[in-house]
Structures are given as structure tokens and as C-alpha cells.
Amino acid sequence: MVLAITAMIVCIIVARHLWERPADNEAREQADLYNAATVLTLTVAALFS
């Protein structure tokens, strides 16, 4: 079940281009924060739906 949820979340991120890629090193921290928020949001949504 964990593998299925993980695969679904990865599929959504890839298909909808939700993963942020920083243009330079200065934007890396902010992109990491956005990516973590995306993963957390999708995980919570998948677990509670």
C-alpha cells in the first residue's frame, strides 16, 4: 500500500510538472521548500482521501 501511494504521488508530480528546479544556487533553498510542501500536501491528500 505504501508503494502504491508513493507511486501515485510521484506520478502526479511528474505529470503536472509540480517539481521546482532552481535556476541558480540562490533559489535552491526556496525550491527545496516548495518541493517539500508539494510532497507533504499530496501525501496528506492521499492519506485522508
N, C-alpha and C. Protein backbone atom coordinates (compact mmCIF):
# COMPACT_ATOMS: atom_id res chain seq x y z
N MET A 1 0.82 -1.19 0.00
CA MET A 1 0.00 0.00 0.00
C MET A 1 0.87 1.26 0.00
N VAL A 2 1.95 1.24 0.76
CA VAL A 2 2.85 2.40 0.80
C VAL A 2 3.47 2.63 -0.58
N LEU A 3 3.84 1.56 -1.25
CA LEU A 3 4.43 1.68 -2.58
C LEU A 3 3.43 2.26 -3.57
N ALA A 4 2.18 1.87 -3.47
CA ALA A 4 1.15 2.38 -4.37
C ALA A 4 0.91 3.87 -4.15
N ILE A 5 0.86 4.30 -2.90
CA ILE A 5 0.67 5.72 -2.60
C ILE A 5 1.86 6.54 -3.07
N THR A 6 3.06 6.03 -2.85
CA THR A 6 4.27 6.72 -3.30
C THR A 6 4.28 6.84 -4.82
N ALA A 7 3.93 5.77 -5.51
CA ALA A 7 3.90 5.80 -6.98
C ALA A 7 2.86 6.80 -7.48
N MET A 8 1.72 6.87 -6.83
CA MET A 8 0.68 7.80 -7.23
C MET A 8 1.15 9.25 -7.05
N ILE A 9 1.80 9.53 -5.93
CA ILE A 9 2.28 10.89 -5.66
C ILE A 9 3.36 11.28 -6.68
N VAL A 10 4.29 10.38 -6.95
CA VAL A 10 5.34 10.66 -7.94
C VAL A 10 4.73 10.88 -9.32
N CYS A 11 3.74 10.08 -9.67
CA CYS A 11 3.07 10.22 -10.96
C CYS A 11 2.39 11.59 -11.09
N ILE A 12 1.72 12.03 -10.05
CA ILE A 12 1.06 13.33 -10.06
C ILE A 12 2.09 14.45 -10.21
N ILE A 13 3.19 14.37 -9.46
CA ILE A 13 4.22 15.41 -9.52
C ILE A 13 4.83 15.48 -10.92
N VAL A 14 5.13 14.34 -11.51
CA VAL A 14 5.75 14.31 -12.83
C VAL A 14 4.76 14.76 -13.91
N ALA A 15 3.55 14.24 -13.87
CA ALA A 15 2.57 14.54 -14.91
C ALA A 15 2.14 16.01 -14.92
N ARG A 16 2.08 16.61 -13.75
CA ARG A 16 1.62 18.00 -13.63
C ARG A 16 2.76 19.01 -13.52
N HIS A 17 3.99 18.52 -13.67
CA HIS A 17 5.19 19.39 -13.61
C HIS A 17 5.21 20.24 -12.34
N LEU A 18 5.02 19.58 -11.20
CA LEU A 18 4.96 20.28 -9.92
C LEU A 18 6.32 20.41 -9.25
N TRP A 19 7.34 19.78 -9.79
CA TRP A 19 8.66 19.81 -9.16
C TRP A 19 9.40 21.07 -9.60
N GLU A 20 9.84 21.85 -8.65
CA GLU A 20 10.57 23.09 -8.92
C GLU A 20 12.04 22.78 -9.16
N ARG A 21 12.60 23.40 -10.18
CA ARG A 21 14.04 23.28 -10.46
C ARG A 21 14.65 24.68 -10.39
N PRO A 22 15.53 24.88 -9.44
CA PRO A 22 16.08 26.23 -9.28
C PRO A 22 16.99 26.62 -10.43
N ALA A 23 16.93 27.91 -10.80
CA ALA A 23 17.76 28.42 -11.88
C ALA A 23 19.20 28.65 -11.41
N ASP A 24 19.37 28.96 -10.14
CA ASP A 24 20.70 29.19 -9.60
C ASP A 24 20.76 28.72 -8.15
N ASN A 25 21.91 28.82 -7.54
CA ASN A 25 22.09 28.34 -6.17
C ASN A 25 21.32 29.17 -5.16
N GLU A 26 21.09 30.43 -5.45
CA GLU A 26 20.36 31.28 -4.50
C GLU A 26 18.90 30.84 -4.37
N ALA A 27 18.34 30.33 -5.44
CA ALA A 27 16.94 29.92 -5.42
C ALA A 27 16.76 28.49 -4.93
N ARG A 28 17.85 27.81 -4.62
CA ARG A 28 17.78 26.41 -4.24
C ARG A 28 16.99 26.18 -2.95
N GLU A 29 17.21 27.01 -1.95
CA GLU A 29 16.50 26.84 -0.68
C GLU A 29 15.00 27.00 -0.86
N GLN A 30 14.61 27.99 -1.63
CA GLN A 30 13.19 28.23 -1.86
C GLN A 30 12.58 27.09 -2.67
N ALA A 31 13.29 26.59 -3.66
CA ALA A 31 12.79 25.47 -4.45
C ALA A 31 12.65 24.22 -3.59
N ASP A 32 13.61 23.99 -2.69
CA ASP A 32 13.51 22.85 -1.78
C ASP A 32 12.29 22.96 -0.88
N LEU A 33 12.01 24.17 -0.42
CA LEU A 33 10.84 24.40 0.42
C LEU A 33 9.55 24.14 -0.36
N TYR A 34 9.48 24.64 -1.58
CA TYR A 34 8.31 24.40 -2.43
C TYR A 34 8.11 22.92 -2.71
N ASN A 35 9.21 22.21 -2.99
CA ASN A 35 9.12 20.78 -3.28
C ASN A 35 8.66 19.99 -2.05
N ALA A 36 9.18 20.35 -0.89
CA ALA A 36 8.75 19.68 0.34
C ALA A 36 7.28 19.93 0.62
N ALA A 37 6.83 21.16 0.39
CA ALA A 37 5.42 21.48 0.59
C ALA A 37 4.53 20.72 -0.38
N THR A 38 4.99 20.56 -1.61
CA THR A 38 4.23 19.81 -2.61
C THR A 38 4.09 18.35 -2.19
N VAL A 39 5.20 17.74 -1.79
CA VAL A 39 5.16 16.33 -1.38
C VAL A 39 4.29 16.15 -0.14
N LEU A 40 4.43 17.03 0.82
CA LEU A 40 3.64 16.93 2.05
C LEU A 40 2.15 17.10 1.75
N THR A 41 1.81 18.06 0.93
CA THR A 41 0.40 18.29 0.58
C THR A 41 -0.20 17.09 -0.12
N LEU A 42 0.50 16.55 -1.10
CA LEU A 42 -0.02 15.39 -1.83
C LEU A 42 -0.09 14.15 -0.93
N THR A 43 0.86 14.00 -0.03
CA THR A 43 0.83 12.86 0.89
C THR A 43 -0.37 12.94 1.82
N VAL A 44 -0.60 14.10 2.39
CA VAL A 44 -1.76 14.27 3.28
C VAL A 44 -3.06 14.04 2.51
N ALA A 45 -3.13 14.60 1.29
CA ALA A 45 -4.34 14.41 0.49
C ALA A 45 -4.58 12.94 0.15
N ALA A 46 -3.51 12.21 -0.16
CA ALA A 46 -3.66 10.80 -0.50
C ALA A 46 -4.04 9.97 0.72
N LEU A 47 -3.51 10.30 1.87
CA LEU A 47 -3.80 9.51 3.07
C LEU A 47 -5.21 9.76 3.62
N PHE A 48 -5.72 10.96 3.44
CA PHE A 48 -7.02 11.29 4.02
C PHE A 48 -8.17 11.22 3.02
N SER A 49 -7.89 10.82 1.80
CA SER A 49 -8.99 10.72 0.83
C SER A 49 -9.47 9.29 0.68
